[in-house]
Amino acid sequence: IHNGSIAVPSAPGLGVRLDRSALEHYTL
């Protein structure tokens, strides 16, 4: 967050990558 705003990812789709190791760590 810079100056009260969040930049919107510009890559195709959602534009972000899932952290699979973190998801595995917090799996329910």
mmCIF file of all heavy atoms, coordinates in Angstrom:
data_MODEL
# 
_entry.id   MODEL 
# 
loop_
_atom_site.group_PDB 
_atom_site.id 
_atom_site.type_symbol 
_atom_site.label_atom_id 
_atom_site.label_alt_id 
_atom_site.label_comp_id 
_atom_site.label_asym_id 
_atom_site.label_entity_id 
_atom_site.label_seq_id 
_atom_site.pdbx_PDB_ins_code 
_atom_site.Cartn_x 
_atom_site.Cartn_y 
_atom_site.Cartn_z 
_atom_site.occupancy 
_atom_site.B_iso_or_equiv 
_atom_site.pdbx_formal_charge 
_atom_site.auth_seq_id 
_atom_site.auth_comp_id 
_atom_site.auth_asym_id 
_atom_site.auth_atom_id 
_atom_site.pdbx_PDB_model_num 
ATOM 1   N N   . ILE A 1 1  ? 0.864   -1.180  0.000   1.00 0.00 ? 1  ILE A N   1 
ATOM 2   C CA  . ILE A 1 1  ? 0.000   0.000   0.000   1.00 0.00 ? 1  ILE A CA  1 
ATOM 3   C C   . ILE A 1 1  ? 0.900   1.230   0.000   1.00 0.00 ? 1  ILE A C   1 
ATOM 4   O O   . ILE A 1 1  ? 1.723   1.403   0.902   1.00 0.00 ? 1  ILE A O   1 
ATOM 5   C CB  . ILE A 1 1  ? -0.936  0.011   1.221   1.00 0.00 ? 1  ILE A CB  1 
ATOM 6   C CG1 . ILE A 1 1  ? -1.802  -1.251  1.229   1.00 0.00 ? 1  ILE A CG1 1 
ATOM 7   C CG2 . ILE A 1 1  ? -1.805  1.265   1.231   1.00 0.00 ? 1  ILE A CG2 1 
ATOM 8   C CD1 . ILE A 1 1  ? -2.618  -1.422  2.498   1.00 0.00 ? 1  ILE A CD1 1 
ATOM 9   N N   . HIS A 1 2  ? 0.766   2.073   -1.018  1.00 0.00 ? 2  HIS A N   1 
ATOM 10  C CA  . HIS A 1 2  ? 1.556   3.294   -1.128  1.00 0.00 ? 2  HIS A CA  1 
ATOM 11  C C   . HIS A 1 2  ? 0.615   4.492   -1.119  1.00 0.00 ? 2  HIS A C   1 
ATOM 12  O O   . HIS A 1 2  ? -0.275  4.594   -1.959  1.00 0.00 ? 2  HIS A O   1 
ATOM 13  C CB  . HIS A 1 2  ? 2.387   3.303   -2.412  1.00 0.00 ? 2  HIS A CB  1 
ATOM 14  C CG  . HIS A 1 2  ? 3.490   2.291   -2.426  1.00 0.00 ? 2  HIS A CG  1 
ATOM 15  N ND1 . HIS A 1 2  ? 4.503   2.268   -1.499  1.00 0.00 ? 2  HIS A ND1 1 
ATOM 16  C CD2 . HIS A 1 2  ? 3.737   1.250   -3.270  1.00 0.00 ? 2  HIS A CD2 1 
ATOM 17  C CE1 . HIS A 1 2  ? 5.338   1.276   -1.762  1.00 0.00 ? 2  HIS A CE1 1 
ATOM 18  N NE2 . HIS A 1 2  ? 4.885   0.626   -2.820  1.00 0.00 ? 2  HIS A NE2 1 
ATOM 19  N N   . ASN A 1 3  ? 0.828   5.384   -0.154  1.00 0.00 ? 3  ASN A N   1 
ATOM 20  C CA  . ASN A 1 3  ? 0.018   6.606   -0.062  1.00 0.00 ? 3  ASN A CA  1 
ATOM 21  C C   . ASN A 1 3  ? -1.472  6.302   -0.099  1.00 0.00 ? 3  ASN A C   1 
ATOM 22  O O   . ASN A 1 3  ? -2.252  6.980   -0.768  1.00 0.00 ? 3  ASN A O   1 
ATOM 23  C CB  . ASN A 1 3  ? 0.387   7.571   -1.181  1.00 0.00 ? 3  ASN A CB  1 
ATOM 24  C CG  . ASN A 1 3  ? 1.820   8.061   -1.061  1.00 0.00 ? 3  ASN A CG  1 
ATOM 25  O OD1 . ASN A 1 3  ? 2.295   8.335   0.043   1.00 0.00 ? 3  ASN A OD1 1 
ATOM 26  N ND2 . ASN A 1 3  ? 2.509   8.174   -2.186  1.00 0.00 ? 3  ASN A ND2 1 
ATOM 27  N N   . GLY A 1 4  ? -1.856  5.247   0.613   1.00 0.00 ? 4  GLY A N   1 
ATOM 28  C CA  . GLY A 1 4  ? -3.267  4.934   0.739   1.00 0.00 ? 4  GLY A CA  1 
ATOM 29  C C   . GLY A 1 4  ? -3.888  4.258   -0.457  1.00 0.00 ? 4  GLY A C   1 
ATOM 30  O O   . GLY A 1 4  ? -5.118  4.189   -0.541  1.00 0.00 ? 4  GLY A O   1 
ATOM 31  N N   . SER A 1 5  ? -3.082  3.725   -1.387  1.00 0.00 ? 5  SER A N   1 
ATOM 32  C CA  . SER A 1 5  ? -3.608  3.040   -2.561  1.00 0.00 ? 5  SER A CA  1 
ATOM 33  C C   . SER A 1 5  ? -2.871  1.723   -2.793  1.00 0.00 ? 5  SER A C   1 
ATOM 34  O O   . SER A 1 5  ? -1.703  1.583   -2.422  1.00 0.00 ? 5  SER A O   1 
ATOM 35  C CB  . SER A 1 5  ? -3.476  3.908   -3.824  1.00 0.00 ? 5  SER A CB  1 
ATOM 36  O OG  . SER A 1 5  ? -4.297  5.052   -3.741  1.00 0.00 ? 5  SER A OG  1 
ATOM 37  N N   . ILE A 1 6  ? -3.561  0.764   -3.411  1.00 0.00 ? 6  ILE A N   1 
ATOM 38  C CA  . ILE A 1 6  ? -2.969  -0.519  -3.779  1.00 0.00 ? 6  ILE A CA  1 
ATOM 39  C C   . ILE A 1 6  ? -2.936  -0.603  -5.298  1.00 0.00 ? 6  ILE A C   1 
ATOM 40  O O   . ILE A 1 6  ? -3.961  -0.397  -5.969  1.00 0.00 ? 6  ILE A O   1 
ATOM 41  C CB  . ILE A 1 6  ? -3.768  -1.711  -3.225  1.00 0.00 ? 6  ILE A CB  1 
ATOM 42  C CG1 . ILE A 1 6  ? -3.935  -1.594  -1.703  1.00 0.00 ? 6  ILE A CG1 1 
ATOM 43  C CG2 . ILE A 1 6  ? -3.083  -3.034  -3.576  1.00 0.00 ? 6  ILE A CG2 1 
ATOM 44  C CD1 . ILE A 1 6  ? -4.768  -2.710  -1.096  1.00 0.00 ? 6  ILE A CD1 1 
ATOM 45  N N   . ALA A 1 7  ? -1.761  -0.918  -5.859  1.00 0.00 ? 7  ALA A N   1 
ATOM 46  C CA  . ALA A 1 7  ? -1.634  -1.086  -7.306  1.00 0.00 ? 7  ALA A CA  1 
ATOM 47  C C   . ALA A 1 7  ? -2.332  -2.377  -7.731  1.00 0.00 ? 7  ALA A C   1 
ATOM 48  O O   . ALA A 1 7  ? -2.238  -3.401  -7.049  1.00 0.00 ? 7  ALA A O   1 
ATOM 49  C CB  . ALA A 1 7  ? -0.168  -1.122  -7.702  1.00 0.00 ? 7  ALA A CB  1 
ATOM 50  N N   . VAL A 1 8  ? -3.035  -2.315  -8.852  1.00 0.00 ? 8  VAL A N   1 
ATOM 51  C CA  . VAL A 1 8  ? -3.728  -3.487  -9.384  1.00 0.00 ? 8  VAL A CA  1 
ATOM 52  C C   . VAL A 1 8  ? -2.742  -4.278  -10.245 1.00 0.00 ? 8  VAL A C   1 
ATOM 53  O O   . VAL A 1 8  ? -2.130  -3.712  -11.153 1.00 0.00 ? 8  VAL A O   1 
ATOM 54  C CB  . VAL A 1 8  ? -4.946  -3.067  -10.229 1.00 0.00 ? 8  VAL A CB  1 
ATOM 55  C CG1 . VAL A 1 8  ? -5.701  -4.298  -10.728 1.00 0.00 ? 8  VAL A CG1 1 
ATOM 56  C CG2 . VAL A 1 8  ? -5.864  -2.161  -9.421  1.00 0.00 ? 8  VAL A CG2 1 
ATOM 57  N N   . PRO A 1 9  ? -2.561  -5.576  -9.993  1.00 0.00 ? 9  PRO A N   1 
ATOM 58  C CA  . PRO A 1 9  ? -1.632  -6.364  -10.825 1.00 0.00 ? 9  PRO A CA  1 
ATOM 59  C C   . PRO A 1 9  ? -1.984  -6.253  -12.305 1.00 0.00 ? 9  PRO A C   1 
ATOM 60  O O   . PRO A 1 9  ? -3.156  -6.295  -12.684 1.00 0.00 ? 9  PRO A O   1 
ATOM 61  C CB  . PRO A 1 9  ? -1.826  -7.789  -10.310 1.00 0.00 ? 9  PRO A CB  1 
ATOM 62  C CG  . PRO A 1 9  ? -2.258  -7.614  -8.886  1.00 0.00 ? 9  PRO A CG  1 
ATOM 63  C CD  . PRO A 1 9  ? -3.122  -6.380  -8.902  1.00 0.00 ? 9  PRO A CD  1 
ATOM 64  N N   . SER A 1 10 ? -0.950  -6.112  -13.130 1.00 0.00 ? 10 SER A N   1 
ATOM 65  C CA  . SER A 1 10 ? -1.169  -5.878  -14.563 1.00 0.00 ? 10 SER A CA  1 
ATOM 66  C C   . SER A 1 10 ? -0.927  -7.105  -15.429 1.00 0.00 ? 10 SER A C   1 
ATOM 67  O O   . SER A 1 10 ? -1.172  -7.067  -16.634 1.00 0.00 ? 10 SER A O   1 
ATOM 68  C CB  . SER A 1 10 ? -0.260  -4.742  -15.051 1.00 0.00 ? 10 SER A CB  1 
ATOM 69  O OG  . SER A 1 10 ? 1.106   -5.055  -14.804 1.00 0.00 ? 10 SER A OG  1 
ATOM 70  N N   . ALA A 1 11 ? -0.444  -8.220  -14.831 1.00 0.00 ? 11 ALA A N   1 
ATOM 71  C CA  . ALA A 1 11 ? -0.232  -9.446  -15.601 1.00 0.00 ? 11 ALA A CA  1 
ATOM 72  C C   . ALA A 1 11 ? -1.583  -10.070 -15.951 1.00 0.00 ? 11 ALA A C   1 
ATOM 73  O O   . ALA A 1 11 ? -2.601  -9.796  -15.290 1.00 0.00 ? 11 ALA A O   1 
ATOM 74  C CB  . ALA A 1 11 ? 0.625   -10.424 -14.812 1.00 0.00 ? 11 ALA A CB  1 
ATOM 75  N N   . PRO A 1 12 ? -1.639  -10.921 -16.980 1.00 0.00 ? 12 PRO A N   1 
ATOM 76  C CA  . PRO A 1 12 ? -2.927  -11.524 -17.372 1.00 0.00 ? 12 PRO A CA  1 
ATOM 77  C C   . PRO A 1 12 ? -3.598  -12.295 -16.242 1.00 0.00 ? 12 PRO A C   1 
ATOM 78  O O   . PRO A 1 12 ? -2.946  -12.845 -15.359 1.00 0.00 ? 12 PRO A O   1 
ATOM 79  C CB  . PRO A 1 12 ? -2.519  -12.463 -18.517 1.00 0.00 ? 12 PRO A CB  1 
ATOM 80  C CG  . PRO A 1 12 ? -1.294  -11.846 -19.090 1.00 0.00 ? 12 PRO A CG  1 
ATOM 81  C CD  . PRO A 1 12 ? -0.554  -11.280 -17.905 1.00 0.00 ? 12 PRO A CD  1 
ATOM 82  N N   . GLY A 1 13 ? -4.923  -12.348 -16.296 1.00 0.00 ? 13 GLY A N   1 
ATOM 83  C CA  . GLY A 1 13 ? -5.699  -13.008 -15.252 1.00 0.00 ? 13 GLY A CA  1 
ATOM 84  C C   . GLY A 1 13 ? -5.691  -12.192 -13.978 1.00 0.00 ? 13 GLY A C   1 
ATOM 85  O O   . GLY A 1 13 ? -5.766  -10.957 -14.012 1.00 0.00 ? 13 GLY A O   1 
ATOM 86  N N   . LEU A 1 14 ? -5.605  -12.854 -12.842 1.00 0.00 ? 14 LEU A N   1 
ATOM 87  C CA  . LEU A 1 14 ? -5.492  -12.137 -11.569 1.00 0.00 ? 14 LEU A CA  1 
ATOM 88  C C   . LEU A 1 14 ? -4.147  -11.452 -11.445 1.00 0.00 ? 14 LEU A C   1 
ATOM 89  O O   . LEU A 1 14 ? -4.008  -10.447 -10.744 1.00 0.00 ? 14 LEU A O   1 
ATOM 90  C CB  . LEU A 1 14 ? -5.690  -13.106 -10.398 1.00 0.00 ? 14 LEU A CB  1 
ATOM 91  C CG  . LEU A 1 14 ? -7.111  -13.643 -10.184 1.00 0.00 ? 14 LEU A CG  1 
ATOM 92  C CD1 . LEU A 1 14 ? -7.113  -14.681 -9.066  1.00 0.00 ? 14 LEU A CD1 1 
ATOM 93  C CD2 . LEU A 1 14 ? -8.107  -12.532 -9.872  1.00 0.00 ? 14 LEU A CD2 1 
ATOM 94  N N   . GLY A 1 15 ? -3.128  -12.021 -12.073 1.00 0.00 ? 15 GLY A N   1 
ATOM 95  C CA  . GLY A 1 15 ? -1.819  -11.379 -12.092 1.00 0.00 ? 15 GLY A CA  1 
ATOM 96  C C   . GLY A 1 15 ? -0.971  -11.629 -10.870 1.00 0.00 ? 15 GLY A C   1 
ATOM 97  O O   . GLY A 1 15 ? 0.015   -10.913 -10.640 1.00 0.00 ? 15 GLY A O   1 
ATOM 98  N N   . VAL A 1 16 ? -1.312  -12.639 -10.070 1.00 0.00 ? 16 VAL A N   1 
ATOM 99  C CA  . VAL A 1 16 ? -0.526  -12.988 -8.891  1.00 0.00 ? 16 VAL A CA  1 
ATOM 100 C C   . VAL A 1 16 ? -0.271  -14.490 -8.871  1.00 0.00 ? 16 VAL A C   1 
ATOM 101 O O   . VAL A 1 16 ? -0.950  -15.262 -9.547  1.00 0.00 ? 16 VAL A O   1 
ATOM 102 C CB  . VAL A 1 16 ? -1.227  -12.562 -7.587  1.00 0.00 ? 16 VAL A CB  1 
ATOM 103 C CG1 . VAL A 1 16 ? -1.290  -11.053 -7.466  1.00 0.00 ? 16 VAL A CG1 1 
ATOM 104 C CG2 . VAL A 1 16 ? -2.625  -13.169 -7.489  1.00 0.00 ? 16 VAL A CG2 1 
ATOM 105 N N   . ARG A 1 17 ? 0.708   -14.887 -8.054  1.00 0.00 ? 17 ARG A N   1 
ATOM 106 C CA  . ARG A 1 17 ? 1.080   -16.294 -7.950  1.00 0.00 ? 17 ARG A CA  1 
ATOM 107 C C   . ARG A 1 17 ? 0.750   -16.828 -6.561  1.00 0.00 ? 17 ARG A C   1 
ATOM 108 O O   . ARG A 1 17 ? 1.039   -16.177 -5.555  1.00 0.00 ? 17 ARG A O   1 
ATOM 109 C CB  . ARG A 1 17 ? 2.568   -16.469 -8.234  1.00 0.00 ? 17 ARG A CB  1 
ATOM 110 C CG  . ARG A 1 17 ? 2.987   -16.131 -9.665  1.00 0.00 ? 17 ARG A CG  1 
ATOM 111 C CD  . ARG A 1 17 ? 4.496   -16.068 -9.791  1.00 0.00 ? 17 ARG A CD  1 
ATOM 112 N NE  . ARG A 1 17 ? 5.029   -14.931 -9.036  1.00 0.00 ? 17 ARG A NE  1 
ATOM 113 C CZ  . ARG A 1 17 ? 6.318   -14.764 -8.763  1.00 0.00 ? 17 ARG A CZ  1 
ATOM 114 N NH1 . ARG A 1 17 ? 7.200   -15.671 -9.155  1.00 0.00 ? 17 ARG A NH1 1 
ATOM 115 N NH2 . ARG A 1 17 ? 6.722   -13.695 -8.095  1.00 0.00 ? 17 ARG A NH2 1 
ATOM 116 N N   . LEU A 1 18 ? 0.158   -18.009 -6.531  1.00 0.00 ? 18 LEU A N   1 
ATOM 117 C CA  . LEU A 1 18 ? -0.179  -18.665 -5.273  1.00 0.00 ? 18 LEU A CA  1 
ATOM 118 C C   . LEU A 1 18 ? 1.081   -19.217 -4.613  1.00 0.00 ? 18 LEU A C   1 
ATOM 119 O O   . LEU A 1 18 ? 1.901   -19.857 -5.263  1.00 0.00 ? 18 LEU A O   1 
ATOM 120 C CB  . LEU A 1 18 ? -1.169  -19.800 -5.536  1.00 0.00 ? 18 LEU A CB  1 
ATOM 121 C CG  . LEU A 1 18 ? -1.560  -20.671 -4.340  1.00 0.00 ? 18 LEU A CG  1 
ATOM 122 C CD1 . LEU A 1 18 ? -2.386  -19.874 -3.339  1.00 0.00 ? 18 LEU A CD1 1 
ATOM 123 C CD2 . LEU A 1 18 ? -2.349  -21.897 -4.824  1.00 0.00 ? 18 LEU A CD2 1 
ATOM 124 N N   . ASP A 1 19 ? 1.209   -18.986 -3.319  1.00 0.00 ? 19 ASP A N   1 
ATOM 125 C CA  . ASP A 1 19 ? 2.308   -19.560 -2.538  1.00 0.00 ? 19 ASP A CA  1 
ATOM 126 C C   . ASP A 1 19 ? 1.861   -20.932 -2.048  1.00 0.00 ? 19 ASP A C   1 
ATOM 127 O O   . ASP A 1 19 ? 1.198   -21.055 -1.013  1.00 0.00 ? 19 ASP A O   1 
ATOM 128 C CB  . ASP A 1 19 ? 2.656   -18.642 -1.363  1.00 0.00 ? 19 ASP A CB  1 
ATOM 129 C CG  . ASP A 1 19 ? 3.901   -19.076 -0.610  1.00 0.00 ? 19 ASP A CG  1 
ATOM 130 O OD1 . ASP A 1 19 ? 4.248   -20.274 -0.680  1.00 0.00 ? 19 ASP A OD1 1 
ATOM 131 O OD2 . ASP A 1 19 ? 4.511   -18.242 0.072   1.00 0.00 ? 19 ASP A OD2 1 
ATOM 132 N N   . ARG A 1 20 ? 2.217   -21.959 -2.780  1.00 0.00 ? 20 ARG A N   1 
ATOM 133 C CA  . ARG A 1 20 ? 1.739   -23.307 -2.465  1.00 0.00 ? 20 ARG A CA  1 
ATOM 134 C C   . ARG A 1 20 ? 2.281   -23.826 -1.138  1.00 0.00 ? 20 ARG A C   1 
ATOM 135 O O   . ARG A 1 20 ? 1.590   -24.543 -0.414  1.00 0.00 ? 20 ARG A O   1 
ATOM 136 C CB  . ARG A 1 20 ? 2.096   -24.269 -3.590  1.00 0.00 ? 20 ARG A CB  1 
ATOM 137 C CG  . ARG A 1 20 ? 1.288   -24.028 -4.862  1.00 0.00 ? 20 ARG A CG  1 
ATOM 138 C CD  . ARG A 1 20 ? 1.472   -25.145 -5.866  1.00 0.00 ? 20 ARG A CD  1 
ATOM 139 N NE  . ARG A 1 20 ? 0.584   -24.977 -7.000  1.00 0.00 ? 20 ARG A NE  1 
ATOM 140 C CZ  . ARG A 1 20 ? -0.681  -25.353 -7.015  1.00 0.00 ? 20 ARG A CZ  1 
ATOM 141 N NH1 . ARG A 1 20 ? -1.221  -25.918 -5.938  1.00 0.00 ? 20 ARG A NH1 1 
ATOM 142 N NH2 . ARG A 1 20 ? -1.426  -25.168 -8.087  1.00 0.00 ? 20 ARG A NH2 1 
ATOM 143 N N   . SER A 1 21 ? 3.504   -23.467 -0.808  1.00 0.00 ? 21 SER A N   1 
ATOM 144 C CA  . SER A 1 21 ? 4.060   -23.940 0.463   1.00 0.00 ? 21 SER A CA  1 
ATOM 145 C C   . SER A 1 21 ? 3.322   -23.320 1.644   1.00 0.00 ? 21 SER A C   1 
ATOM 146 O O   . SER A 1 21 ? 3.063   -23.985 2.655   1.00 0.00 ? 21 SER A O   1 
ATOM 147 C CB  . SER A 1 21 ? 5.555   -23.614 0.539   1.00 0.00 ? 21 SER A CB  1 
ATOM 148 O OG  . SER A 1 21 ? 5.781   -22.215 0.479   1.00 0.00 ? 21 SER A OG  1 
ATOM 149 N N   . ALA A 1 22 ? 2.946   -22.052 1.512   1.00 0.00 ? 22 ALA A N   1 
ATOM 150 C CA  . ALA A 1 22 ? 2.170   -21.406 2.577   1.00 0.00 ? 22 ALA A CA  1 
ATOM 151 C C   . ALA A 1 22 ? 0.785   -22.027 2.686   1.00 0.00 ? 22 ALA A C   1 
ATOM 152 O O   . ALA A 1 22 ? 0.291   -22.279 3.793   1.00 0.00 ? 22 ALA A O   1 
ATOM 153 C CB  . ALA A 1 22 ? 2.063   -19.908 2.313   1.00 0.00 ? 22 ALA A CB  1 
ATOM 154 N N   . LEU A 1 23 ? 0.160   -22.295 1.535   1.00 0.00 ? 23 LEU A N   1 
ATOM 155 C CA  . LEU A 1 23 ? -1.161  -22.922 1.557   1.00 0.00 ? 23 LEU A CA  1 
ATOM 156 C C   . LEU A 1 23 ? -1.085  -24.298 2.221   1.00 0.00 ? 23 LEU A C   1 
ATOM 157 O O   . LEU A 1 23 ? -1.951  -24.655 3.019   1.00 0.00 ? 23 LEU A O   1 
ATOM 158 C CB  . LEU A 1 23 ? -1.711  -23.048 0.139   1.00 0.00 ? 23 LEU A CB  1 
ATOM 159 C CG  . LEU A 1 23 ? -3.080  -23.728 -0.010  1.00 0.00 ? 23 LEU A CG  1 
ATOM 160 C CD1 . LEU A 1 23 ? -4.151  -23.012 0.801   1.00 0.00 ? 23 LEU A CD1 1 
ATOM 161 C CD2 . LEU A 1 23 ? -3.474  -23.814 -1.485  1.00 0.00 ? 23 LEU A CD2 1 
ATOM 162 N N   . GLU A 1 24 ? -0.038  -25.052 1.900   1.00 0.00 ? 24 GLU A N   1 
ATOM 163 C CA  . GLU A 1 24 ? 0.116   -26.364 2.517   1.00 0.00 ? 24 GLU A CA  1 
ATOM 164 C C   . GLU A 1 24 ? 0.307   -26.239 4.027   1.00 0.00 ? 24 GLU A C   1 
ATOM 165 O O   . GLU A 1 24 ? -0.244  -27.028 4.799   1.00 0.00 ? 24 GLU A O   1 
ATOM 166 C CB  . GLU A 1 24 ? 1.313   -27.075 1.892   1.00 0.00 ? 24 GLU A CB  1 
ATOM 167 C CG  . GLU A 1 24 ? 1.517   -28.505 2.413   1.00 0.00 ? 24 GLU A CG  1 
ATOM 168 C CD  . GLU A 1 24 ? 2.622   -29.231 1.676   1.00 0.00 ? 24 GLU A CD  1 
ATOM 169 O OE1 . GLU A 1 24 ? 3.064   -28.745 0.631   1.00 0.00 ? 24 GLU A OE1 1 
ATOM 170 O OE2 . GLU A 1 24 ? 3.022   -30.311 2.171   1.00 0.00 ? 24 GLU A OE2 1 
ATOM 171 N N   . HIS A 1 25 ? 1.050   -25.216 4.439   1.00 0.00 ? 25 HIS A N   1 
ATOM 172 C CA  . HIS A 1 25 ? 1.308   -25.009 5.871   1.00 0.00 ? 25 HIS A CA  1 
ATOM 173 C C   . HIS A 1 25 ? 0.020   -24.722 6.627   1.00 0.00 ? 25 HIS A C   1 
ATOM 174 O O   . HIS A 1 25 ? -0.155  -25.181 7.765   1.00 0.00 ? 25 HIS A O   1 
ATOM 175 C CB  . HIS A 1 25 ? 2.288   -23.850 6.049   1.00 0.00 ? 25 HIS A CB  1 
ATOM 176 C CG  . HIS A 1 25 ? 2.600   -23.538 7.473   1.00 0.00 ? 25 HIS A CG  1 
ATOM 177 N ND1 . HIS A 1 25 ? 3.421   -24.321 8.266   1.00 0.00 ? 25 HIS A ND1 1 
ATOM 178 C CD2 . HIS A 1 25 ? 2.185   -22.518 8.279   1.00 0.00 ? 25 HIS A CD2 1 
ATOM 179 C CE1 . HIS A 1 25 ? 3.518   -23.807 9.475   1.00 0.00 ? 25 HIS A CE1 1 
ATOM 180 N NE2 . HIS A 1 25 ? 2.768   -22.717 9.515   1.00 0.00 ? 25 HIS A NE2 1 
ATOM 181 N N   . TYR A 1 26 ? -0.886  -23.975 6.005   1.00 0.00 ? 26 TYR A N   1 
ATOM 182 C CA  . TYR A 1 26 ? -2.123  -23.562 6.689   1.00 0.00 ? 26 TYR A CA  1 
ATOM 183 C C   . TYR A 1 26 ? -3.340  -24.394 6.256   1.00 0.00 ? 26 TYR A C   1 
ATOM 184 O O   . TYR A 1 26 ? -4.476  -23.999 6.515   1.00 0.00 ? 26 TYR A O   1 
ATOM 185 C CB  . TYR A 1 26 ? -2.392  -22.087 6.424   1.00 0.00 ? 26 TYR A CB  1 
ATOM 186 C CG  . TYR A 1 26 ? -1.390  -21.178 7.106   1.00 0.00 ? 26 TYR A CG  1 
ATOM 187 C CD1 . TYR A 1 26 ? -0.394  -20.532 6.369   1.00 0.00 ? 26 TYR A CD1 1 
ATOM 188 C CD2 . TYR A 1 26 ? -1.426  -20.971 8.483   1.00 0.00 ? 26 TYR A CD2 1 
ATOM 189 C CE1 . TYR A 1 26 ? 0.530   -19.691 6.991   1.00 0.00 ? 26 TYR A CE1 1 
ATOM 190 C CE2 . TYR A 1 26 ? -0.507  -20.148 9.110   1.00 0.00 ? 26 TYR A CE2 1 
ATOM 191 C CZ  . TYR A 1 26 ? 0.465   -19.524 8.355   1.00 0.00 ? 26 TYR A CZ  1 
ATOM 192 O OH  . TYR A 1 26 ? 1.375   -18.703 8.977   1.00 0.00 ? 26 TYR A OH  1 
ATOM 193 N N   . THR A 1 27 ? -3.086  -25.548 5.624   1.00 0.00 ? 27 THR A N   1 
ATOM 194 C CA  . THR A 1 27 ? -4.194  -26.377 5.157   1.00 0.00 ? 27 THR A CA  1 
ATOM 195 C C   . THR A 1 27 ? -5.072  -26.840 6.305   1.00 0.00 ? 27 THR A C   1 
ATOM 196 O O   . THR A 1 27 ? -4.592  -27.279 7.356   1.00 0.00 ? 27 THR A O   1 
ATOM 197 C CB  . THR A 1 27 ? -3.664  -27.599 4.381   1.00 0.00 ? 27 THR A CB  1 
ATOM 198 O OG1 . THR A 1 27 ? -3.097  -27.147 3.150   1.00 0.00 ? 27 THR A OG1 1 
ATOM 199 C CG2 . THR A 1 27 ? -4.781  -28.588 4.081   1.00 0.00 ? 27 THR A CG2 1 
ATOM 200 N N   . LEU A 1 28 ? -6.377  -26.742 6.083   1.00 0.00 ? 28 LEU A N   1 
ATOM 201 C CA  . LEU A 1 28 ? -7.390  -27.250 7.009   1.00 0.00 ? 28 LEU A CA  1 
ATOM 202 C C   . LEU A 1 28 ? -7.873  -28.594 6.484   1.00 0.00 ? 28 LEU A C   1 
ATOM 203 O O   . LEU A 1 28 ? -8.121  -28.759 5.291   1.00 0.00 ? 28 LEU A O   1 
ATOM 204 C CB  . LEU A 1 28 ? -8.555  -26.258 7.072   1.00 0.00 ? 28 LEU A CB  1 
ATOM 205 C CG  . LEU A 1 28 ? -9.706  -26.523 8.043   1.00 0.00 ? 28 LEU A CG  1 
ATOM 206 C CD1 . LEU A 1 28 ? -9.219  -26.456 9.477   1.00 0.00 ? 28 LEU A CD1 1 
ATOM 207 C CD2 . LEU A 1 28 ? -10.814 -25.490 7.824   1.00 0.00 ? 28 LEU A CD2 1 
# 
